[in-house]
Amino acid sequence: MITKSSDKLLGKYTVAEGTVVDATNLRIRENYLEFHMETTIQGRVIKADYSGRPYGNLIKGKIQYDLDGNEGEIEFSAKRQATEK
C-alpha cells in the first residue's frame, strides 16, 4: 500500500505469510515507481529493489533481489486493490 503524506511517499509491502514490512526510499523517477524493502522470512534475509511502471491499475517492472547472498533479477506485475472505507 502506498500513500502520500505532504510531499513524501510512504509504503507498506505484504510478503509471504501476510507479514507487512515498510517499503523505503519510495520515489517516482522517469515515470517509474521505485522502492526498497528488506525483511527476514523463515530465518532468511531478503532485500529487494523494485522498479515498475504504472499502467492504470496495473504496475509492471523488475525486482533486483538478494536472498541470503544469492542475487538475481525477476519481472513482476501487480494490480491495485481498492482500499476499505
PDB file of N, CA and C in Angstrom:
ATOM      1  N   MET A   1       0.844  -1.167   0.000  1.00  0.00           N
ATOM      2  CA  MET A   1       0.000   0.000   0.000  1.00  0.00           C
ATOM      3  C   MET A   1       0.890   1.230   0.000  1.00  0.00           C
ATOM      4  N   ILE A   2       0.589   2.157  -0.861  1.00  0.00           N
ATOM      5  CA  ILE A   2       1.362   3.386  -0.958  1.00  0.00           C
ATOM      6  C   ILE A   2       0.433   4.553  -0.686  1.00  0.00           C
ATOM      7  N   THR A   3       0.895   5.467   0.158  1.00  0.00           N
ATOM      8  CA  THR A   3       0.143   6.674   0.472  1.00  0.00           C
ATOM      9  C   THR A   3       1.077   7.867   0.345  1.00  0.00           C
ATOM     10  N   LYS A   4       0.498   9.052   0.375  1.00  0.00           N
ATOM     11  CA  LYS A   4       1.287  10.272   0.300  1.00  0.00           C
ATOM     12  C   LYS A   4       0.994  11.114   1.524  1.00  0.00           C
ATOM     13  N   SER A   5       2.042  11.570   2.186  1.00  0.00           N
ATOM     14  CA  SER A   5       1.929  12.446   3.346  1.00  0.00           C
ATOM     15  C   SER A   5       2.738  13.693   3.032  1.00  0.00           C
ATOM     16  N   SER A   6       2.052  14.820   2.917  1.00  0.00           N
ATOM     17  CA  SER A   6       2.686  16.061   2.456  1.00  0.00           C
ATOM     18  C   SER A   6       3.317  15.797   1.099  1.00  0.00           C
ATOM     19  N   ASP A   7       4.628  15.906   0.992  1.00  0.00           N
ATOM     20  CA  ASP A   7       5.294  15.668  -0.288  1.00  0.00           C
ATOM     21  C   ASP A   7       6.100  14.369  -0.278  1.00  0.00           C
ATOM     22  N   LYS A   8       5.821  13.483   0.681  1.00  0.00           N
ATOM     23  CA  LYS A   8       6.589  12.249   0.831  1.00  0.00           C
ATOM     24  C   LYS A   8       5.703  11.028   0.574  1.00  0.00           C
ATOM     25  N   LEU A   9       6.244  10.035  -0.163  1.00  0.00           N
ATOM     26  CA  LEU A   9       5.544   8.775  -0.371  1.00  0.00           C
ATOM     27  C   LEU A   9       5.884   7.816   0.760  1.00  0.00           C
ATOM     28  N   LEU A  10       4.865   7.123   1.255  1.00  0.00           N
ATOM     29  CA  LEU A  10       5.028   6.120   2.304  1.00  0.00           C
ATOM     30  C   LEU A  10       4.467   4.804   1.789  1.00  0.00           C
ATOM     31  N   GLY A  11       5.037   3.688   2.225  1.00  0.00           N
ATOM     32  CA  GLY A  11       4.539   2.424   1.721  1.00  0.00           C
ATOM     33  C   GLY A  11       4.700   1.267   2.682  1.00  0.00           C
ATOM     34  N   LYS A  12       3.817   0.300   2.518  1.00  0.00           N
ATOM     35  CA  LYS A  12       3.862  -0.977   3.229  1.00  0.00           C
ATOM     36  C   LYS A  12       3.819  -2.063   2.168  1.00  0.00           C
ATOM     37  N   TYR A  13       4.541  -3.158   2.421  1.00  0.00           N
ATOM     38  CA  TYR A  13       4.631  -4.250   1.462  1.00  0.00           C
ATOM     39  C   TYR A  13       4.293  -5.545   2.176  1.00  0.00           C
ATOM     40  N   THR A  14       3.380  -6.321   1.616  1.00  0.00           N
ATOM     41  CA  THR A  14       2.993  -7.600   2.212  1.00  0.00           C
ATOM     42  C   THR A  14       3.800  -8.707   1.556  1.00  0.00           C
ATOM     43  N   VAL A  15       4.547  -9.432   2.387  1.00  0.00           N
ATOM     44  CA  VAL A  15       5.377 -10.539   1.903  1.00  0.00           C
ATOM     45  C   VAL A  15       4.734 -11.855   2.320  1.00  0.00           C
ATOM     46  N   ALA A  16       5.447 -12.946   2.168  1.00  0.00           N
ATOM     47  CA  ALA A  16       4.935 -14.282   2.485  1.00  0.00           C
ATOM     48  C   ALA A  16       4.292 -14.339   3.866  1.00  0.00           C
ATOM     49  N   GLU A  17       3.282 -15.156   3.965  1.00  0.00           N
ATOM     50  CA  GLU A  17       2.590 -15.410   5.221  1.00  0.00           C
ATOM     51  C   GLU A  17       1.927 -14.171   5.816  1.00  0.00           C
ATOM     52  N   GLY A  18       1.658 -13.159   4.976  1.00  0.00           N
ATOM     53  CA  GLY A  18       0.947 -11.972   5.426  1.00  0.00           C
ATOM     54  C   GLY A  18       1.778 -10.989   6.225  1.00  0.00           C
ATOM     55  N   THR A  19       3.085 -11.186   6.305  1.00  0.00           N
ATOM     56  CA  THR A  19       3.959 -10.260   7.020  1.00  0.00           C
ATOM     57  C   THR A  19       4.007  -8.934   6.271  1.00  0.00           C
ATOM     58  N   VAL A  20       3.823  -7.824   6.988  1.00  0.00           N
ATOM     59  CA  VAL A  20       3.851  -6.497   6.382  1.00  0.00           C
ATOM     60  C   VAL A  20       5.122  -5.781   6.822  1.00  0.00           C
ATOM     61  N   VAL A  21       5.876  -5.255   5.863  1.00  0.00           N
ATOM     62  CA  VAL A  21       7.110  -4.522   6.142  1.00  0.00           C
ATOM     63  C   VAL A  21       7.028  -3.141   5.499  1.00  0.00           C
ATOM     64  N   ASP A  22       7.846  -2.224   6.005  1.00  0.00           N
ATOM     65  CA  ASP A  22       7.908  -0.891   5.425  1.00  0.00           C
ATOM     66  C   ASP A  22       8.649  -0.925   4.097  1.00  0.00           C
ATOM     67  N   ALA A  23       8.100  -0.251   3.116  1.00  0.00           N
ATOM     68  CA  ALA A  23       8.799  -0.011   1.863  1.00  0.00           C
ATOM     69  C   ALA A  23       9.532   1.311   2.068  1.00  0.00           C
ATOM     70  N   THR A  24      10.807   1.343   1.730  1.00  0.00           N
ATOM     71  CA  THR A  24      11.601   2.544   1.959  1.00  0.00           C
ATOM     72  C   THR A  24      12.110   3.110   0.637  1.00  0.00           C
ATOM     73  N   ASN A  25      12.612   4.321   0.718  1.00  0.00           N
ATOM     74  CA  ASN A  25      13.178   5.016  -0.453  1.00  0.00           C
ATOM     75  C   ASN A  25      12.184   5.084  -1.609  1.00  0.00           C
ATOM     76  N   LEU A  26      10.915   5.303  -1.294  1.00  0.00           N
ATOM     77  CA  LEU A  26       9.892   5.403  -2.336  1.00  0.00           C
ATOM     78  C   LEU A  26      10.087   6.693  -3.120  1.00  0.00           C
ATOM     79  N   ARG A  27      10.018   6.558  -4.433  1.00  0.00           N
ATOM     80  CA  ARG A  27      10.103   7.744  -5.278  1.00  0.00           C
ATOM     81  C   ARG A  27       9.573   7.411  -6.663  1.00  0.00           C
ATOM     82  N   ILE A  28       9.247   8.476  -7.388  1.00  0.00           N
ATOM     83  CA  ILE A  28       8.857   8.339  -8.780  1.00  0.00           C
ATOM     84  C   ILE A  28       9.966   9.012  -9.580  1.00  0.00           C
ATOM     85  N   ARG A  29      10.546   8.220 -10.479  1.00  0.00           N
ATOM     86  CA  ARG A  29      11.646   8.744 -11.296  1.00  0.00           C
ATOM     87  C   ARG A  29      11.423   8.291 -12.730  1.00  0.00           C
ATOM     88  N   GLU A  30      11.360   9.260 -13.638  1.00  0.00           N
ATOM     89  CA  GLU A  30      11.156   8.987 -15.064  1.00  0.00           C
ATOM     90  C   GLU A  30       9.971   8.051 -15.305  1.00  0.00           C
ATOM     91  N   ASN A  31       8.852   8.323 -14.635  1.00  0.00           N
ATOM     92  CA  ASN A  31       7.595   7.573 -14.743  1.00  0.00           C
ATOM     93  C   ASN A  31       7.655   6.161 -14.175  1.00  0.00           C
ATOM     94  N   TYR A  32       8.658   5.866 -13.362  1.00  0.00           N
ATOM     95  CA  TYR A  32       8.775   4.573 -12.698  1.00  0.00           C
ATOM     96  C   TYR A  32       8.649   4.777 -11.192  1.00  0.00           C
ATOM     97  N   LEU A  33       7.883   3.901 -10.552  1.00  0.00           N
ATOM     98  CA  LEU A  33       7.807   3.875  -9.100  1.00  0.00           C
ATOM     99  C   LEU A  33       8.930   2.977  -8.614  1.00  0.00           C
ATOM    100  N   GLU A  34       9.739   3.480  -7.688  1.00  0.00           N
ATOM    101  CA  GLU A  34      10.867   2.707  -7.171  1.00  0.00           C
ATOM    102  C   GLU A  34      10.790   2.658  -5.653  1.00  0.00           C
ATOM    103  N   PHE A  35      11.130   1.495  -5.088  1.00  0.00           N
ATOM    104  CA  PHE A  35      11.215   1.378  -3.637  1.00  0.00           C
ATOM    105  C   PHE A  35      12.066   0.184  -3.242  1.00  0.00           C
ATOM    106  N   HIS A  36      12.437   0.165  -1.978  1.00  0.00           N
ATOM    107  CA  HIS A  36      13.275  -0.896  -1.415  1.00  0.00           C
ATOM    108  C   HIS A  36      12.515  -1.536  -0.262  1.00  0.00           C
ATOM    109  N   MET A  37      12.702  -2.825  -0.074  1.00  0.00           N
ATOM    110  CA  MET A  37      12.176  -3.495   1.110  1.00  0.00           C
ATOM    111  C   MET A  37      13.199  -4.513   1.575  1.00  0.00           C
ATOM    112  N   GLU A  38      13.188  -4.716   2.885  1.00  0.00           N
ATOM    113  CA  GLU A  38      14.129  -5.651   3.495  1.00  0.00           C
ATOM    114  C   GLU A  38      13.458  -6.291   4.698  1.00  0.00           C
ATOM    115  N   THR A  39      13.581  -7.624   4.809  1.00  0.00           N
ATOM    116  CA  THR A  39      12.965  -8.337   5.924  1.00  0.00           C
ATOM    117  C   THR A  39      13.623  -9.707   6.089  1.00  0.00           C
ATOM    118  N   THR A  40      13.220 -10.398   7.127  1.00  0.00           N
ATOM    119  CA  THR A  40      13.664 -11.769   7.359  1.00  0.00           C
ATOM    120  C   THR A  40      12.434 -12.664   7.327  1.00  0.00           C
ATOM    121  N   ILE A  41      12.493 -13.710   6.496  1.00  0.00           N
ATOM    122  CA  ILE A  41      11.388 -14.664   6.378  1.00  0.00           C
ATOM    123  C   ILE A  41      11.951 -16.051   6.642  1.00  0.00           C
ATOM    124  N   GLN A  42      11.409 -16.725   7.623  1.00  0.00           N
ATOM    125  CA  GLN A  42      11.841 -18.069   7.998  1.00  0.00           C
ATOM    126  C   GLN A  42      13.362 -18.123   8.186  1.00  0.00           C
ATOM    127  N   GLY A  43      13.903 -17.084   8.826  1.00  0.00           N
ATOM    128  CA  GLY A  43      15.323 -17.030   9.130  1.00  0.00           C
ATOM    129  C   GLY A  43      16.218 -16.624   7.970  1.00  0.00           C
ATOM    130  N   ARG A  44      15.635 -16.292   6.847  1.00  0.00           N
ATOM    131  CA  ARG A  44      16.415 -15.897   5.668  1.00  0.00           C
ATOM    132  C   ARG A  44      16.216 -14.411   5.403  1.00  0.00           C
ATOM    133  N   VAL A  45      17.313 -13.703   5.189  1.00  0.00           N
ATOM    134  CA  VAL A  45      17.261 -12.260   4.929  1.00  0.00           C
ATOM    135  C   VAL A  45      17.018 -12.028   3.445  1.00  0.00           C
ATOM    136  N   ILE A  46      16.023 -11.199   3.161  1.00  0.00           N
ATOM    137  CA  ILE A  46      15.746 -10.832   1.773  1.00  0.00           C
ATOM    138  C   ILE A  46      15.741  -9.313   1.656  1.00  0.00           C
ATOM    139  N   LYS A  47      16.425  -8.832   0.628  1.00  0.00           N
ATOM    140  CA  LYS A  47      16.460  -7.413   0.281  1.00  0.00           C
ATOM    141  C   LYS A  47      16.011  -7.327  -1.167  1.00  0.00           C
ATOM    142  N   ALA A  48      15.176  -6.330  -1.472  1.00  0.00           N
ATOM    143  CA  ALA A  48      14.677  -6.216  -2.837  1.00  0.00           C
ATOM    144  C   ALA A  48      14.491  -4.763  -3.227  1.00  0.00           C
ATOM    145  N   ASP A  49      14.901  -4.445  -4.440  1.00  0.00           N
ATOM    146  CA  ASP A  49      14.691  -3.125  -5.029  1.00  0.00           C
ATOM    147  C   ASP A  49      13.727  -3.276  -6.199  1.00  0.00           C
ATOM    148  N   TYR A  50      12.608  -2.591  -6.101  1.00  0.00           N
ATOM    149  CA  TYR A  50      11.549  -2.664  -7.103  1.00  0.00           C
ATOM    150  C   TYR A  50      11.599  -1.430  -7.992  1.00  0.00           C
ATOM    151  N   SER A  51      11.332  -1.625  -9.275  1.00  0.00           N
ATOM    152  CA  SER A  51      11.192  -0.531 -10.219  1.00  0.00           C
ATOM    153  C   SER A  51      10.113  -0.940 -11.204  1.00  0.00           C
ATOM    154  N   GLY A  52       9.006  -0.201 -11.201  1.00  0.00           N
ATOM    155  CA  GLY A  52       7.894  -0.575 -12.068  1.00  0.00           C
ATOM    156  C   GLY A  52       7.185   0.633 -12.643  1.00  0.00           C
ATOM    157  N   ARG A  53       6.612   0.427 -13.792  1.00  0.00           N
ATOM    158  CA  ARG A  53       5.887   1.499 -14.465  1.00  0.00           C
ATOM    159  C   ARG A  53       4.386   1.258 -14.338  1.00  0.00           C
ATOM    160  N   PRO A  54       3.661   2.235 -13.795  1.00  0.00           N
ATOM    161  CA  PRO A  54       2.207   2.093 -13.658  1.00  0.00           C
ATOM    162  C   PRO A  54       1.494   2.206 -15.015  1.00  0.00           C
ATOM    163  N   TYR A  55       0.471   1.374 -15.193  1.00  0.00           N
ATOM    164  CA  TYR A  55      -0.414   1.392 -16.355  1.00  0.00           C
ATOM    165  C   TYR A  55      -1.836   1.311 -15.817  1.00  0.00           C
ATOM    166  N   GLY A  56      -2.467   2.440 -15.533  1.00  0.00           N
ATOM    167  CA  GLY A  56      -3.801   2.430 -14.934  1.00  0.00           C
ATOM    168  C   GLY A  56      -3.744   1.792 -13.555  1.00  0.00           C
ATOM    169  N   ASN A  57      -4.482   0.701 -13.360  1.00  0.00           N
ATOM    170  CA  ASN A  57      -4.491  -0.001 -12.075  1.00  0.00           C
ATOM    171  C   ASN A  57      -3.436  -1.103 -11.987  1.00  0.00           C
ATOM    172  N   LEU A  58      -2.569  -1.207 -12.994  1.00  0.00           N
ATOM    173  CA  LEU A  58      -1.515  -2.225 -13.012  1.00  0.00           C
ATOM    174  C   LEU A  58      -0.147  -1.566 -12.904  1.00  0.00           C
ATOM    175  N   ILE A  59       0.820  -2.328 -12.442  1.00  0.00           N
ATOM    176  CA  ILE A  59       2.214  -1.901 -12.458  1.00  0.00           C
ATOM    177  C   ILE A  59       3.044  -3.106 -12.873  1.00  0.00           C
ATOM    178  N   LYS A  60       3.997  -2.877 -13.769  1.00  0.00           N
ATOM    179  CA  LYS A  60       4.881  -3.935 -14.239  1.00  0.00           C
ATOM    180  C   LYS A  60       6.310  -3.439 -14.173  1.00  0.00           C
ATOM    181  N   GLY A  61       7.213  -4.337 -13.804  1.00  0.00           N
ATOM    182  CA  GLY A  61       8.606  -3.928 -13.726  1.00  0.00           C
ATOM    183  C   GLY A  61       9.522  -5.060 -13.344  1.00  0.00           C
ATOM    184  N   LYS A  62      10.629  -4.694 -12.680  1.00  0.00           N
ATOM    185  CA  LYS A  62      11.650  -5.661 -12.293  1.00  0.00           C
ATOM    186  C   LYS A  62      11.998  -5.519 -10.821  1.00  0.00           C
ATOM    187  N   ILE A  63      12.399  -6.635 -10.250  1.00  0.00           N
ATOM    188  CA  ILE A  63      12.877  -6.683  -8.864  1.00  0.00           C
ATOM    189  C   ILE A  63      14.311  -7.182  -8.901  1.00  0.00           C
ATOM    190  N   GLN A  64      15.213  -6.408  -8.321  1.00  0.00           N
ATOM    191  CA  GLN A  64      16.578  -6.881  -8.097  1.00  0.00           C
ATOM    192  C   GLN A  64      16.626  -7.318  -6.643  1.00  0.00           C
ATOM    193  N   TYR A  65      16.991  -8.568  -6.400  1.00  0.00           N
ATOM    194  CA  TYR A  65      16.907  -9.100  -5.051  1.00  0.00           C
ATOM    195  C   TYR A  65      18.220  -9.715  -4.584  1.00  0.00           C
ATOM    196  N   ASP A  66      18.323  -9.827  -3.271  1.00  0.00           N
ATOM    197  CA  ASP A  66      19.423 -10.518  -2.605  1.00  0.00           C
ATOM    198  C   ASP A  66      18.773 -11.376  -1.524  1.00  0.00           C
ATOM    199  N   LEU A  67      18.834 -12.694  -1.684  1.00  0.00           N
ATOM    200  CA  LEU A  67      18.264 -13.631  -0.733  1.00  0.00           C
ATOM    201  C   LEU A  67      19.413 -14.414  -0.117  1.00  0.00           C
ATOM    202  N   ASP A  68      19.802 -14.009   1.082  1.00  0.00           N
ATOM    203  CA  ASP A  68      20.936 -14.651   1.773  1.00  0.00           C
ATOM    204  C   ASP A  68      22.188 -14.704   0.906  1.00  0.00           C
ATOM    205  N   GLY A  69      22.461 -13.631   0.162  1.00  0.00           N
ATOM    206  CA  GLY A  69      23.662 -13.574  -0.658  1.00  0.00           C
ATOM    207  C   GLY A  69      23.484 -14.067  -2.076  1.00  0.00           C
ATOM    208  N   ASN A  70      22.354 -14.677  -2.386  1.00  0.00           N
ATOM    209  CA  ASN A  70      22.045 -15.109  -3.756  1.00  0.00           C
ATOM    210  C   ASN A  70      21.312 -13.967  -4.448  1.00  0.00           C
ATOM    211  N   GLU A  71      21.945 -13.371  -5.444  1.00  0.00           N
ATOM    212  CA  GLU A  71      21.378 -12.205  -6.113  1.00  0.00           C
ATOM    213  C   GLU A  71      20.766 -12.578  -7.453  1.00  0.00           C
ATOM    214  N   GLY A  72      19.782 -11.793  -7.855  1.00  0.00           N
ATOM    215  CA  GLY A  72      19.154 -12.026  -9.143  1.00  0.00           C
ATOM    216  C   GLY A  72      18.182 -10.930  -9.493  1.00  0.00           C
ATOM    217  N   GLU A  73      17.509 -11.110 -10.607  1.00  0.00           N
ATOM    218  CA  GLU A  73      16.514 -10.151 -11.075  1.00  0.00           C
ATOM    219  C   GLU A  73      15.349 -10.931 -11.673  1.00  0.00           C
ATOM    220  N   ILE A  74      14.138 -10.512 -11.344  1.00  0.00           N
ATOM    221  CA  ILE A  74      12.933 -11.123 -11.896  1.00  0.00           C
ATOM    222  C   ILE A  74      11.946 -10.033 -12.281  1.00  0.00           C
ATOM    223  N   GLU A  75      11.035 -10.369 -13.167  1.00  0.00           N
ATOM    224  CA  GLU A  75       9.968  -9.445 -13.536  1.00  0.00           C
ATOM    225  C   GLU A  75       8.795  -9.626 -12.582  1.00  0.00           C
ATOM    226  N   PHE A  76       8.008  -8.557 -12.413  1.00  0.00           N
ATOM    227  CA  PHE A  76       6.808  -8.648 -11.588  1.00  0.00           C
ATOM    228  C   PHE A  76       5.693  -7.832 -12.206  1.00  0.00           C
ATOM    229  N   SER A  77       4.474  -8.151 -11.798  1.00  0.00           N
ATOM    230  CA  SER A  77       3.308  -7.340 -12.129  1.00  0.00           C
ATOM    231  C   SER A  77       2.392  -7.373 -10.925  1.00  0.00           C
ATOM    232  N   ALA A  78       1.666  -6.290 -10.740  1.00  0.00           N
ATOM    233  CA  ALA A  78       0.757  -6.174  -9.594  1.00  0.00           C
ATOM    234  C   ALA A  78      -0.455  -5.367  -9.996  1.00  0.00           C
ATOM    235  N   LYS A  79      -1.550  -5.570  -9.269  1.00  0.00           N
ATOM    236  CA  LYS A  79      -2.795  -4.862  -9.539  1.00  0.00           C
ATOM    237  C   LYS A  79      -3.224  -4.099  -8.299  1.00  0.00           C
ATOM    238  N   ARG A  80      -3.660  -2.872  -8.491  1.00  0.00           N
ATOM    239  CA  ARG A  80      -4.128  -2.042  -7.394  1.00  0.00           C
ATOM    240  C   ARG A  80      -5.374  -2.651  -6.770  1.00  0.00           C
ATOM    241  N   GLN A  81      -5.391  -2.669  -5.441  1.00  0.00           N
ATOM    242  CA  GLN A  81      -6.564  -3.164  -4.718  1.00  0.00           C
ATOM    243  C   GLN A  81      -7.310  -1.960  -4.148  1.00  0.00           C
ATOM    244  N   ALA A  82      -8.614  -2.018  -4.192  1.00  0.00           N
ATOM    245  CA  ALA A  82      -9.423  -0.947  -3.618  1.00  0.00           C
ATOM    246  C   ALA A  82      -9.202  -0.878  -2.117  1.00  0.00           C
ATOM    247  N   THR A  83      -9.112   0.317  -1.578  1.00  0.00           N
ATOM    248  CA  THR A  83      -8.942   0.490  -0.145  1.00  0.00           C
ATOM    249  C   THR A  83     -10.305   0.451   0.541  1.00  0.00           C
ATOM    250  N   GLU A  84     -10.317  -0.100   1.738  1.00  0.00           N
ATOM    251  CA  GLU A  84     -11.562  -0.168   2.507  1.00  0.00           C
ATOM    252  C   GLU A  84     -11.859   1.194   3.098  1.00  0.00           C
ATOM    253  N   LYS A  85     -13.127   1.567   3.091  1.00  0.00           N
ATOM    254  CA  LYS A  85     -13.522   2.874   3.639  1.00  0.00           C
ATOM    255  C   LYS A  85     -14.332   2.704   4.877  1.00  0.00           C
TER     256      LYS A  85
END
